[in-house]
Amino acid sequence: MEQCVGTPASMEQWGKDWRWKHDERAKEEAEEKNEESSASGNSKFGKRHIKSVDPDPHGEKLLKTEDPLAETSKYLKLLQKHSPDSLETHLLSFEANMRKQKILLAFEVYLFSKN
């Protein structure tokens, strides 16, 4: 018995072929769009795609600082400004103040974190 064009087996094969062709076309279109946007350097909103590169990915420059506690204070102020309700912020503040030997400030942070 020969299969007709409209039988389920031929329809399944047609579906597979169509999906494969559709996927190939979608990939080609995506590649063309990427090439166009990278060639012009602009996105569809007119802004350039600039990837920022971390100049010190392993933190070696940060380890070579002259006064690490001063650097700690800088970052701690940012944390206290943007995340004042976080317990981790208060614990870091406590530890930094203890290392600076500012015991009263450390105790104040400790009391505040208890509440």
PDB file of N, CA and C in Angstrom:
ATOM      1  N   MET A   1       0.832  -1.166   0.000  1.00  0.00           N
ATOM      2  CA  MET A   1       0.000   0.000   0.000  1.00  0.00           C
ATOM      3  C   MET A   1       0.887   1.242   0.000  1.00  0.00           C
ATOM      4  N   GLU A   2       0.665   2.155  -0.906  1.00  0.00           N
ATOM      5  CA  GLU A   2       1.472   3.364  -1.009  1.00  0.00           C
ATOM      6  C   GLU A   2       0.885   4.459  -0.135  1.00  0.00           C
ATOM      7  N   GLN A   3       1.772   5.277   0.395  1.00  0.00           N
ATOM      8  CA  GLN A   3       1.301   6.378   1.221  1.00  0.00           C
ATOM      9  C   GLN A   3       0.901   7.543   0.340  1.00  0.00           C
ATOM     10  N   CYS A   4      -0.196   8.142   0.703  1.00  0.00           N
ATOM     11  CA  CYS A   4      -0.639   9.334  -0.004  1.00  0.00           C
ATOM     12  C   CYS A   4       0.075  10.541   0.575  1.00  0.00           C
ATOM     13  N   VAL A   5      -0.022  11.649  -0.120  1.00  0.00           N
ATOM     14  CA  VAL A   5       0.649  12.872   0.315  1.00  0.00           C
ATOM     15  C   VAL A   5       0.086  13.364   1.634  1.00  0.00           C
ATOM     16  N   GLY A   6      -1.177  13.160   1.929  1.00  0.00           N
ATOM     17  CA  GLY A   6      -1.800  13.693   3.127  1.00  0.00           C
ATOM     18  C   GLY A   6      -1.795  12.755   4.317  1.00  0.00           C
ATOM     19  N   THR A   7      -1.051  11.675   4.278  1.00  0.00           N
ATOM     20  CA  THR A   7      -1.055  10.741   5.389  1.00  0.00           C
ATOM     21  C   THR A   7      -0.264  11.299   6.560  1.00  0.00           C
ATOM     22  N   PRO A   8      -0.545  10.832   7.777  1.00  0.00           N
ATOM     23  CA  PRO A   8       0.148  11.354   8.959  1.00  0.00           C
ATOM     24  C   PRO A   8       1.664  11.209   8.890  1.00  0.00           C
ATOM     25  N   ALA A   9       2.185  10.125   8.334  1.00  0.00           N
ATOM     26  CA  ALA A   9       3.639   9.945   8.267  1.00  0.00           C
ATOM     27  C   ALA A   9       4.282  11.039   7.429  1.00  0.00           C
ATOM     28  N   SER A  10       3.675  11.365   6.293  1.00  0.00           N
ATOM     29  CA  SER A  10       4.257  12.408   5.456  1.00  0.00           C
ATOM     30  C   SER A  10       4.068  13.782   6.090  1.00  0.00           C
ATOM     31  N   MET A  11       2.995  13.966   6.841  1.00  0.00           N
ATOM     32  CA  MET A  11       2.771  15.248   7.527  1.00  0.00           C
ATOM     33  C   MET A  11       3.809  15.448   8.629  1.00  0.00           C
ATOM     34  N   GLU A  12       4.157  14.366   9.337  1.00  0.00           N
ATOM     35  CA  GLU A  12       5.180  14.469  10.367  1.00  0.00           C
ATOM     36  C   GLU A  12       6.515  14.857   9.751  1.00  0.00           C
ATOM     37  N   GLN A  13       6.866  14.236   8.650  1.00  0.00           N
ATOM     38  CA  GLN A  13       8.114  14.560   7.975  1.00  0.00           C
ATOM     39  C   GLN A  13       8.106  16.004   7.494  1.00  0.00           C
ATOM     40  N   TRP A  14       6.958  16.432   6.971  1.00  0.00           N
ATOM     41  CA  TRP A  14       6.839  17.813   6.506  1.00  0.00           C
ATOM     42  C   TRP A  14       7.032  18.779   7.669  1.00  0.00           C
ATOM     43  N   GLY A  15       6.445  18.447   8.857  1.00  0.00           N
ATOM     44  CA  GLY A  15       6.591  19.295  10.039  1.00  0.00           C
ATOM     45  C   GLY A  15       8.041  19.395  10.478  1.00  0.00           C
ATOM     46  N   LYS A  16       8.746  18.274  10.450  1.00  0.00           N
ATOM     47  CA  LYS A  16      10.161  18.282  10.829  1.00  0.00           C
ATOM     48  C   LYS A  16      10.969  19.129   9.861  1.00  0.00           C
ATOM     49  N   ASP A  17      10.701  18.955   8.562  1.00  0.00           N
ATOM     50  CA  ASP A  17      11.419  19.746   7.560  1.00  0.00           C
ATOM     51  C   ASP A  17      11.132  21.226   7.732  1.00  0.00           C
ATOM     52  N   TRP A  18       9.872  21.555   7.988  1.00  0.00           N
ATOM     53  CA  TRP A  18       9.497  22.963   8.122  1.00  0.00           C
ATOM     54  C   TRP A  18      10.179  23.579   9.330  1.00  0.00           C
ATOM     55  N   ARG A  19      10.176  22.852  10.464  1.00  0.00           N
ATOM     56  CA  ARG A  19      10.824  23.372  11.675  1.00  0.00           C
ATOM     57  C   ARG A  19      12.315  23.566  11.440  1.00  0.00           C
ATOM     58  N   TRP A  20      12.936  22.623  10.760  1.00  0.00           N
ATOM     59  CA  TRP A  20      14.365  22.732  10.496  1.00  0.00           C
ATOM     60  C   TRP A  20      14.659  23.947   9.637  1.00  0.00           C
ATOM     61  N   LYS A  21      13.873  24.145   8.572  1.00  0.00           N
ATOM     62  CA  LYS A  21      14.059  25.298   7.694  1.00  0.00           C
ATOM     63  C   LYS A  21      13.780  26.588   8.432  1.00  0.00           C
ATOM     64  N   HIS A  22      12.740  26.577   9.260  1.00  0.00           N
ATOM     65  CA  HIS A  22      12.382  27.772  10.021  1.00  0.00           C
ATOM     66  C   HIS A  22      13.498  28.135  11.000  1.00  0.00           C
ATOM     67  N   ASP A  23      14.059  27.140  11.683  1.00  0.00           N
ATOM     68  CA  ASP A  23      15.162  27.380  12.612  1.00  0.00           C
ATOM     69  C   ASP A  23      16.374  27.941  11.890  1.00  0.00           C
ATOM     70  N   GLU A  24      16.694  27.398  10.731  1.00  0.00           N
ATOM     71  CA  GLU A  24      17.824  27.888   9.950  1.00  0.00           C
ATOM     72  C   GLU A  24      17.609  29.347   9.545  1.00  0.00           C
ATOM     73  N   ARG A  25      16.407  29.667   9.087  1.00  0.00           N
ATOM     74  CA  ARG A  25      16.110  31.053   8.698  1.00  0.00           C
ATOM     75  C   ARG A  25      16.214  31.988   9.893  1.00  0.00           C
ATOM     76  N   ALA A  26      15.703  31.559  11.044  1.00  0.00           N
ATOM     77  CA  ALA A  26      15.761  32.395  12.244  1.00  0.00           C
ATOM     78  C   ALA A  26      17.209  32.655  12.649  1.00  0.00           C
ATOM     79  N   LYS A  27      18.049  31.635  12.565  1.00  0.00           N
ATOM     80  CA  LYS A  27      19.465  31.806  12.897  1.00  0.00           C
ATOM     81  C   LYS A  27      20.136  32.785  11.945  1.00  0.00           C
ATOM     82  N   GLU A  28      19.843  32.644  10.654  1.00  0.00           N
ATOM     83  CA  GLU A  28      20.435  33.545   9.663  1.00  0.00           C
ATOM     84  C   GLU A  28      19.994  34.987   9.901  1.00  0.00           C
ATOM     85  N   GLU A  29      18.715  35.187  10.181  1.00  0.00           N
ATOM     86  CA  GLU A  29      18.216  36.540  10.436  1.00  0.00           C
ATOM     87  C   GLU A  29      18.862  37.134  11.685  1.00  0.00           C
ATOM     88  N   ALA A  30      19.011  36.326  12.734  1.00  0.00           N
ATOM     89  CA  ALA A  30      19.642  36.812  13.963  1.00  0.00           C
ATOM     90  C   ALA A  30      21.100  37.186  13.716  1.00  0.00           C
ATOM     91  N   GLU A  31      21.808  36.380  12.931  1.00  0.00           N
ATOM     92  CA  GLU A  31      23.196  36.689  12.610  1.00  0.00           C
ATOM     93  C   GLU A  31      23.302  37.980  11.808  1.00  0.00           C
ATOM     94  N   GLU A  32      22.376  38.174  10.862  1.00  0.00           N
ATOM     95  CA  GLU A  32      22.388  39.402  10.069  1.00  0.00           C
ATOM     96  C   GLU A  32      22.143  40.618  10.943  1.00  0.00           C
ATOM     97  N   LYS A  33      21.202  40.515  11.876  1.00  0.00           N
ATOM     98  CA  LYS A  33      20.925  41.636  12.775  1.00  0.00           C
ATOM     99  C   LYS A  33      22.130  41.939  13.649  1.00  0.00           C
ATOM    100  N   ASN A  34      22.781  40.898  14.144  1.00  0.00           N
ATOM    101  CA  ASN A  34      23.970  41.099  14.977  1.00  0.00           C
ATOM    102  C   ASN A  34      25.086  41.756  14.181  1.00  0.00           C
ATOM    103  N   GLU A  35      25.267  41.330  12.938  1.00  0.00           N
ATOM    104  CA  GLU A  35      26.305  41.917  12.100  1.00  0.00           C
ATOM    105  C   GLU A  35      26.002  43.382  11.815  1.00  0.00           C
ATOM    106  N   GLU A  36      24.739  43.688  11.538  1.00  0.00           N
ATOM    107  CA  GLU A  36      24.363  45.072  11.255  1.00  0.00           C
ATOM    108  C   GLU A  36      24.574  45.963  12.467  1.00  0.00           C
ATOM    109  N   SER A  37      24.155  45.476  13.636  1.00  0.00           N
ATOM    110  CA  SER A  37      24.287  46.309  14.832  1.00  0.00           C
ATOM    111  C   SER A  37      25.748  46.447  15.245  1.00  0.00           C
ATOM    112  N   SER A  38      26.546  45.397  15.069  1.00  0.00           N
ATOM    113  CA  SER A  38      27.955  45.510  15.437  1.00  0.00           C
ATOM    114  C   SER A  38      28.732  46.339  14.421  1.00  0.00           C
ATOM    115  N   ALA A  39      28.313  46.308  13.179  1.00  0.00           N
ATOM    116  CA  ALA A  39      29.003  47.098  12.165  1.00  0.00           C
ATOM    117  C   ALA A  39      28.766  48.584  12.396  1.00  0.00           C
ATOM    118  N   SER A  40      27.547  48.933  12.739  1.00  0.00           N
ATOM    119  CA  SER A  40      27.254  50.346  12.965  1.00  0.00           C
ATOM    120  C   SER A  40      27.634  50.768  14.370  1.00  0.00           C
ATOM    121  N   GLY A  41      27.697  49.807  15.305  1.00  0.00           N
ATOM    122  CA  GLY A  41      28.054  50.137  16.678  1.00  0.00           C
ATOM    123  C   GLY A  41      26.895  50.692  17.461  1.00  0.00           C
ATOM    124  N   ASN A  42      25.722  50.744  16.889  1.00  0.00           N
ATOM    125  CA  ASN A  42      24.571  51.304  17.562  1.00  0.00           C
ATOM    126  C   ASN A  42      23.498  50.248  17.727  1.00  0.00           C
ATOM    127  N   SER A  43      22.729  50.384  18.782  1.00  0.00           N
ATOM    128  CA  SER A  43      21.581  49.518  18.956  1.00  0.00           C
ATOM    129  C   SER A  43      20.386  50.179  18.295  1.00  0.00           C
ATOM    130  N   LYS A  44      19.217  49.586  18.452  1.00  0.00           N
ATOM    131  CA  LYS A  44      18.046  50.153  17.801  1.00  0.00           C
ATOM    132  C   LYS A  44      17.633  51.469  18.440  1.00  0.00           C
ATOM    133  N   PHE A  45      18.153  51.805  19.606  1.00  0.00           N
ATOM    134  CA  PHE A  45      17.831  53.064  20.255  1.00  0.00           C
ATOM    135  C   PHE A  45      18.911  54.120  20.035  1.00  0.00           C
ATOM    136  N   GLY A  46      19.927  53.805  19.286  1.00  0.00           N
ATOM    137  CA  GLY A  46      20.955  54.773  18.953  1.00  0.00           C
ATOM    138  C   GLY A  46      22.112  54.806  19.939  1.00  0.00           C
ATOM    139  N   LYS A  47      22.082  54.003  20.967  1.00  0.00           N
ATOM    140  CA  LYS A  47      23.176  53.982  21.932  1.00  0.00           C
ATOM    141  C   LYS A  47      24.181  52.917  21.529  1.00  0.00           C
ATOM    142  N   ARG A  48      25.413  53.160  21.825  1.00  0.00           N
ATOM    143  CA  ARG A  48      26.450  52.205  21.482  1.00  0.00           C
ATOM    144  C   ARG A  48      26.550  51.116  22.535  1.00  0.00           C
ATOM    145  N   HIS A  49      26.843  49.916  22.067  1.00  0.00           N
ATOM    146  CA  HIS A  49      27.075  48.810  22.975  1.00  0.00           C
ATOM    147  C   HIS A  49      28.549  48.819  23.347  1.00  0.00           C
ATOM    148  N   ILE A  50      28.843  49.219  24.551  1.00  0.00           N
ATOM    149  CA  ILE A  50      30.220  49.252  25.007  1.00  0.00           C
ATOM    150  C   ILE A  50      30.325  48.332  26.209  1.00  0.00           C
ATOM    151  N   LYS A  51      31.129  47.305  26.077  1.00  0.00           N
ATOM    152  CA  LYS A  51      31.326  46.389  27.181  1.00  0.00           C
ATOM    153  C   LYS A  51      32.418  46.946  28.081  1.00  0.00           C
ATOM    154  N   SER A  52      32.084  47.111  29.349  1.00  0.00           N
ATOM    155  CA  SER A  52      33.087  47.601  30.273  1.00  0.00           C
ATOM    156  C   SER A  52      33.980  46.443  30.685  1.00  0.00           C
ATOM    157  N   VAL A  53      35.249  46.683  30.680  1.00  0.00           N
ATOM    158  CA  VAL A  53      36.223  45.662  31.024  1.00  0.00           C
ATOM    159  C   VAL A  53      36.794  46.016  32.388  1.00  0.00           C
ATOM    160  N   ASP A  54      36.787  45.043  33.276  1.00  0.00           N
ATOM    161  CA  ASP A  54      37.325  45.258  34.612  1.00  0.00           C
ATOM    162  C   ASP A  54      38.849  45.321  34.513  1.00  0.00           C
ATOM    163  N   PRO A  55      39.449  46.473  34.857  1.00  0.00           N
ATOM    164  CA  PRO A  55      40.898  46.587  34.750  1.00  0.00           C
ATOM    165  C   PRO A  55      41.638  45.744  35.792  1.00  0.00           C
ATOM    166  N   ASP A  56      40.959  45.365  36.862  1.00  0.00           N
ATOM    167  CA  ASP A  56      41.580  44.573  37.921  1.00  0.00           C
ATOM    168  C   ASP A  56      40.649  43.417  38.306  1.00  0.00           C
ATOM    169  N   PRO A  57      40.533  42.385  37.439  1.00  0.00           N
ATOM    170  CA  PRO A  57      39.547  41.332  37.696  1.00  0.00           C
ATOM    171  C   PRO A  57      39.838  40.478  38.929  1.00  0.00           C
ATOM    172  N   HIS A  58      41.096  40.375  39.336  1.00  0.00           N
ATOM    173  CA  HIS A  58      41.440  39.534  40.481  1.00  0.00           C
ATOM    174  C   HIS A  58      41.679  40.335  41.755  1.00  0.00           C
ATOM    175  N   GLY A  59      41.598  41.655  41.689  1.00  0.00           N
ATOM    176  CA  GLY A  59      41.717  42.490  42.872  1.00  0.00           C
ATOM    177  C   GLY A  59      43.132  42.723  43.355  1.00  0.00           C
ATOM    178  N   GLU A  60      44.119  42.505  42.503  1.00  0.00           N
ATOM    179  CA  GLU A  60      45.502  42.699  42.928  1.00  0.00           C
ATOM    180  C   GLU A  60      45.808  44.164  43.214  1.00  0.00           C
ATOM    181  N   LYS A  61      45.227  45.055  42.432  1.00  0.00           N
ATOM    182  CA  LYS A  61      45.454  46.488  42.650  1.00  0.00           C
ATOM    183  C   LYS A  61      44.836  46.916  43.982  1.00  0.00           C
ATOM    184  N   LEU A  62      43.676  46.354  44.292  1.00  0.00           N
ATOM    185  CA  LEU A  62      43.011  46.681  45.542  1.00  0.00           C
ATOM    186  C   LEU A  62      43.803  46.175  46.743  1.00  0.00           C
ATOM    187  N   LEU A  63      44.480  45.044  46.585  1.00  0.00           N
ATOM    188  CA  LEU A  63      45.292  44.515  47.678  1.00  0.00           C
ATOM    189  C   LEU A  63      46.542  45.342  47.940  1.00  0.00           C
ATOM    190  N   LYS A  64      46.985  46.090  46.927  1.00  0.00           N
ATOM    191  CA  LYS A  64      48.209  46.873  47.070  1.00  0.00           C
ATOM    192  C   LYS A  64      47.953  48.273  47.615  1.00  0.00           C
ATOM    193  N   THR A  65      46.766  48.549  48.131  1.00  0.00           N
ATOM    194  CA  THR A  65      46.465  49.885  48.639  1.00  0.00           C
ATOM    195  C   THR A  65      47.297  50.179  49.879  1.00  0.00           C
ATOM    196  N   GLU A  66      47.604  51.450  50.065  1.00  0.00           N
ATOM    197  CA  GLU A  66      48.414  51.885  51.198  1.00  0.00           C
ATOM    198  C   GLU A  66      47.634  51.783  52.511  1.00  0.00           C
ATOM    199  N   ASP A  67      46.362  52.188  52.470  1.00  0.00           N
ATOM    200  CA  ASP A  67      45.547  52.197  53.684  1.00  0.00           C
ATOM    201  C   ASP A  67      44.239  51.450  53.427  1.00  0.00           C
ATOM    202  N   PRO A  68      44.207  50.142  53.657  1.00  0.00           N
ATOM    203  CA  PRO A  68      43.005  49.373  53.369  1.00  0.00           C
ATOM    204  C   PRO A  68      41.803  49.771  54.225  1.00  0.00           C
ATOM    205  N   LEU A  69      42.038  50.261  55.434  1.00  0.00           N
ATOM    206  CA  LEU A  69      40.911  50.673  56.271  1.00  0.00           C
ATOM    207  C   LEU A  69      40.227  51.926  55.723  1.00  0.00           C
ATOM    208  N   ALA A  70      40.978  52.777  55.059  1.00  0.00           N
ATOM    209  CA  ALA A  70      40.369  53.950  54.426  1.00  0.00           C
ATOM    210  C   ALA A  70      39.491  53.512  53.253  1.00  0.00           C
ATOM    211  N   GLU A  71      39.962  52.522  52.501  1.00  0.00           N
ATOM    212  CA  GLU A  71      39.159  51.971  51.411  1.00  0.00           C
ATOM    213  C   GLU A  71      37.895  51.328  51.970  1.00  0.00           C
ATOM    214  N   THR A  72      38.043  50.656  53.101  1.00  0.00           N
ATOM    215  CA  THR A  72      36.894  50.032  53.744  1.00  0.00           C
ATOM    216  C   THR A  72      35.862  51.079  54.125  1.00  0.00           C
ATOM    217  N   SER A  73      36.326  52.191  54.641  1.00  0.00           N
ATOM    218  CA  SER A  73      35.412  53.265  55.043  1.00  0.00           C
ATOM    219  C   SER A  73      34.628  53.794  53.859  1.00  0.00           C
ATOM    220  N   LYS A  74      35.303  53.910  52.718  1.00  0.00           N
ATOM    221  CA  LYS A  74      34.638  54.392  51.507  1.00  0.00           C
ATOM    222  C   LYS A  74      33.476  53.485  51.122  1.00  0.00           C
ATOM    223  N   TYR A  75      33.738  52.191  51.072  1.00  0.00           N
ATOM    224  CA  TYR A  75      32.710  51.242  50.665  1.00  0.00           C
ATOM    225  C   TYR A  75      31.641  51.064  51.746  1.00  0.00           C
ATOM    226  N   LEU A  76      32.052  51.200  52.998  1.00  0.00           N
ATOM    227  CA  LEU A  76      31.104  51.065  54.095  1.00  0.00           C
ATOM    228  C   LEU A  76      30.101  52.217  54.101  1.00  0.00           C
ATOM    229  N   LYS A  77      30.554  53.416  53.761  1.00  0.00           N
ATOM    230  CA  LYS A  77      29.633  54.554  53.680  1.00  0.00           C
ATOM    231  C   LYS A  77      28.592  54.331  52.592  1.00  0.00           C
ATOM    232  N   LEU A  78      29.031  53.768  51.466  1.00  0.00           N
ATOM    233  CA  LEU A  78      28.075  53.454  50.397  1.00  0.00           C
ATOM    234  C   LEU A  78      27.057  52.419  50.856  1.00  0.00           C
ATOM    235  N   LEU A  79      27.530  51.399  51.556  1.00  0.00           N
ATOM    236  CA  LEU A  79      26.619  50.374  52.067  1.00  0.00           C
ATOM    237  C   LEU A  79      25.627  50.966  53.064  1.00  0.00           C
ATOM    238  N   GLN A  80      26.115  51.803  53.955  1.00  0.00           N
ATOM    239  CA  GLN A  80      25.229  52.403  54.949  1.00  0.00           C
ATOM    240  C   GLN A  80      24.212  53.343  54.312  1.00  0.00           C
ATOM    241  N   LYS A  81      24.596  53.966  53.221  1.00  0.00           N
ATOM    242  CA  LYS A  81      23.676  54.876  52.535  1.00  0.00           C
ATOM    243  C   LYS A  81      22.585  54.105  51.802  1.00  0.00           C
ATOM    244  N   HIS A  82      22.959  53.042  51.110  1.00  0.00           N
ATOM    245  CA  HIS A  82      22.019  52.341  50.243  1.00  0.00           C
ATOM    246  C   HIS A  82      21.357  51.127  50.893  1.00  0.00           C
ATOM    247  N   SER A  83      21.906  50.636  51.969  1.00  0.00           N
ATOM    248  CA  SER A  83      21.328  49.464  52.626  1.00  0.00           C
ATOM    249  C   SER A  83      21.405  49.622  54.150  1.00  0.00           C
ATOM    250  N   PRO A  84      20.728  50.643  54.693  1.00  0.00           N
ATOM    251  CA  PRO A  84      20.868  50.899  56.127  1.00  0.00           C
ATOM    252  C   PRO A  84      20.158  49.879  57.012  1.00  0.00           C
ATOM    253  N   ASP A  85      19.199  49.142  56.474  1.00  0.00           N
ATOM    254  CA  ASP A  85      18.447  48.185  57.286  1.00  0.00           C
ATOM    255  C   ASP A  85      19.022  46.778  57.258  1.00  0.00           C
ATOM    256  N   SER A  86      20.084  46.579  56.524  1.00  0.00           N
ATOM    257  CA  SER A  86      20.669  45.251  56.387  1.00  0.00           C
ATOM    258  C   SER A  86      21.566  44.924  57.584  1.00  0.00           C
ATOM    259  N   LEU A  87      21.386  43.757  58.142  1.00  0.00           N
ATOM    260  CA  LEU A  87      22.198  43.321  59.274  1.00  0.00           C
ATOM    261  C   LEU A  87      23.662  43.176  58.871  1.00  0.00           C
ATOM    262  N   GLU A  88      23.906  42.705  57.638  1.00  0.00           N
ATOM    263  CA  GLU A  88      25.287  42.543  57.171  1.00  0.00           C
ATOM    264  C   GLU A  88      26.030  43.877  57.152  1.00  0.00           C
ATOM    265  N   THR A  89      25.320  44.941  56.813  1.00  0.00           N
ATOM    266  CA  THR A  89      25.936  46.270  56.807  1.00  0.00           C
ATOM    267  C   THR A  89      26.402  46.638  58.209  1.00  0.00           C
ATOM    268  N   HIS A  90      25.570  46.374  59.205  1.00  0.00           N
ATOM    269  CA  HIS A  90      25.926  46.712  60.583  1.00  0.00           C
ATOM    270  C   HIS A  90      27.058  45.829  61.095  1.00  0.00           C
ATOM    271  N   LEU A  91      27.067  44.565  60.705  1.00  0.00           N
ATOM    272  CA  LEU A  91      28.142  43.689  61.138  1.00  0.00           C
ATOM    273  C   LEU A  91      29.482  44.105  60.524  1.00  0.00           C
ATOM    274  N   LEU A  92      29.446  44.481  59.246  1.00  0.00           N
ATOM    275  CA  LEU A  92      30.685  44.963  58.615  1.00  0.00           C
ATOM    276  C   LEU A  92      31.156  46.263  59.247  1.00  0.00           C
ATOM    277  N   SER A  93      30.218  47.143  59.580  1.00  0.00           N
ATOM    278  CA  SER A  93      30.569  48.399  60.233  1.00  0.00           C
ATOM    279  C   SER A  93      31.191  48.133  61.600  1.00  0.00           C
ATOM    280  N   PHE A  94      30.610  47.194  62.331  1.00  0.00           N
ATOM    281  CA  PHE A  94      31.165  46.824  63.638  1.00  0.00           C
ATOM    282  C   PHE A  94      32.597  46.333  63.495  1.00  0.00           C
ATOM    283  N   GLU A  95      32.819  45.422  62.549  1.00  0.00           N
ATOM    284  CA  GLU A  95      34.154  44.860  62.389  1.00  0.00           C
ATOM    285  C   GLU A  95      35.161  45.922  61.943  1.00  0.00           C
ATOM    286  N   ALA A  96      34.764  46.793  61.042  1.00  0.00           N
ATOM    287  CA  ALA A  96      35.673  47.848  60.574  1.00  0.00           C
ATOM    288  C   ALA A  96      36.024  48.798  61.710  1.00  0.00           C
ATOM    289  N   ASN A  97      35.044  49.163  62.525  1.00  0.00           N
ATOM    290  CA  ASN A  97      35.316  50.073  63.643  1.00  0.00           C
ATOM    291  C   ASN A  97      36.186  49.414  64.707  1.00  0.00           C
ATOM    292  N   MET A  98      36.024  48.119  64.915  1.00  0.00           N
ATOM    293  CA  MET A  98      36.887  47.420  65.871  1.00  0.00           C
ATOM    294  C   MET A  98      38.330  47.384  65.360  1.00  0.00           C
ATOM    295  N   ARG A  99      38.509  47.168  64.064  1.00  0.00           N
ATOM    296  CA  ARG A  99      39.867  47.135  63.516  1.00  0.00           C
ATOM    297  C   ARG A  99      40.526  48.510  63.534  1.00  0.00           C
ATOM    298  N   LYS A 100      39.707  49.564  63.453  1.00  0.00           N
ATOM    299  CA  LYS A 100      40.233  50.929  63.550  1.00  0.00           C
ATOM    300  C   LYS A 100      40.428  51.345  65.001  1.00  0.00           C
ATOM    301  N   GLN A 101      40.050  50.475  65.915  1.00  0.00           N
ATOM    302  CA  GLN A 101      40.107  50.706  67.357  1.00  0.00           C
ATOM    303  C   GLN A 101      39.198  51.859  67.772  1.00  0.00           C
ATOM    304  N   LYS A 102      38.051  51.960  67.130  1.00  0.00           N
ATOM    305  CA  LYS A 102      37.015  52.926  67.503  1.00  0.00           C
ATOM    306  C   LYS A 102      35.916  52.139  68.203  1.00  0.00           C
ATOM    307  N   ILE A 103      36.173  51.863  69.457  1.00  0.00           N
ATOM    308  CA  ILE A 103      35.330  50.941  70.209  1.00  0.00           C
ATOM    309  C   ILE A 103      33.944  51.513  70.458  1.00  0.00           C
ATOM    310  N   LEU A 104      33.839  52.803  70.734  1.00  0.00           N
ATOM    311  CA  LEU A 104      32.518  53.387  70.984  1.00  0.00           C
ATOM    312  C   LEU A 104      31.626  53.318  69.744  1.00  0.00           C
ATOM    313  N   LEU A 105      32.193  53.598  68.571  1.00  0.00           N
ATOM    314  CA  LEU A 105      31.405  53.476  67.344  1.00  0.00           C
ATOM    315  C   LEU A 105      31.003  52.030  67.090  1.00  0.00           C
ATOM    316  N   ALA A 106      31.903  51.100  67.362  1.00  0.00           N
ATOM    317  CA  ALA A 106      31.592  49.680  67.178  1.00  0.00           C
ATOM    318  C   ALA A 106      30.470  49.257  68.123  1.00  0.00           C
ATOM    319  N   PHE A 107      30.519  49.748  69.382  1.00  0.00           N
ATOM    320  CA  PHE A 107      29.477  49.401  70.339  1.00  0.00           C
ATOM    321  C   PHE A 107      28.136  50.011  69.938  1.00  0.00           C
ATOM    322  N   GLU A 108      28.171  51.218  69.400  1.00  0.00           N
ATOM    323  CA  GLU A 108      26.943  51.866  68.929  1.00  0.00           C
ATOM    324  C   GLU A 108      26.314  51.052  67.782  1.00  0.00           C
ATOM    325  N   VAL A 109      27.132  50.596  66.871  1.00  0.00           N
ATOM    326  CA  VAL A 109      26.647  49.778  65.762  1.00  0.00           C
ATOM    327  C   VAL A 109      26.081  48.461  66.298  1.00  0.00           C
ATOM    328  N   TYR A 110      26.759  47.909  67.282  1.00  0.00           N
ATOM    329  CA  TYR A 110      26.298  46.656  67.871  1.00  0.00           C
ATOM    330  C   TYR A 110      24.910  46.833  68.508  1.00  0.00           C
ATOM    331  N   LEU A 111      24.733  47.905  69.251  1.00  0.00           N
ATOM    332  CA  LEU A 111      23.441  48.164  69.883  1.00  0.00           C
ATOM    333  C   LEU A 111      22.351  48.404  68.844  1.00  0.00           C
ATOM    334  N   PHE A 112      22.703  49.123  67.794  1.00  0.00           N
ATOM    335  CA  PHE A 112      21.716  49.407  66.739  1.00  0.00           C
ATOM    336  C   PHE A 112      21.302  48.132  66.015  1.00  0.00           C
ATOM    337  N   SER A 113      22.253  47.218  65.831  1.00  0.00           N
ATOM    338  CA  SER A 113      21.943  45.974  65.113  1.00  0.00           C
ATOM    339  C   SER A 113      21.105  45.027  65.979  1.00  0.00           C
ATOM    340  N   LYS A 114      21.159  45.189  67.298  1.00  0.00           N
ATOM    341  CA  LYS A 114      20.368  44.347  68.187  1.00  0.00           C
ATOM    342  C   LYS A 114      18.867  44.642  68.033  1.00  0.00           C
ATOM    343  N   ASN A 115      18.536  45.894  67.731  1.00  0.00           N
ATOM    344  CA  ASN A 115      17.116  46.291  67.632  1.00  0.00           C
ATOM    345  C   ASN A 115      16.504  45.842  66.387  1.00  0.00           C
TER     346      ASN A 115
END
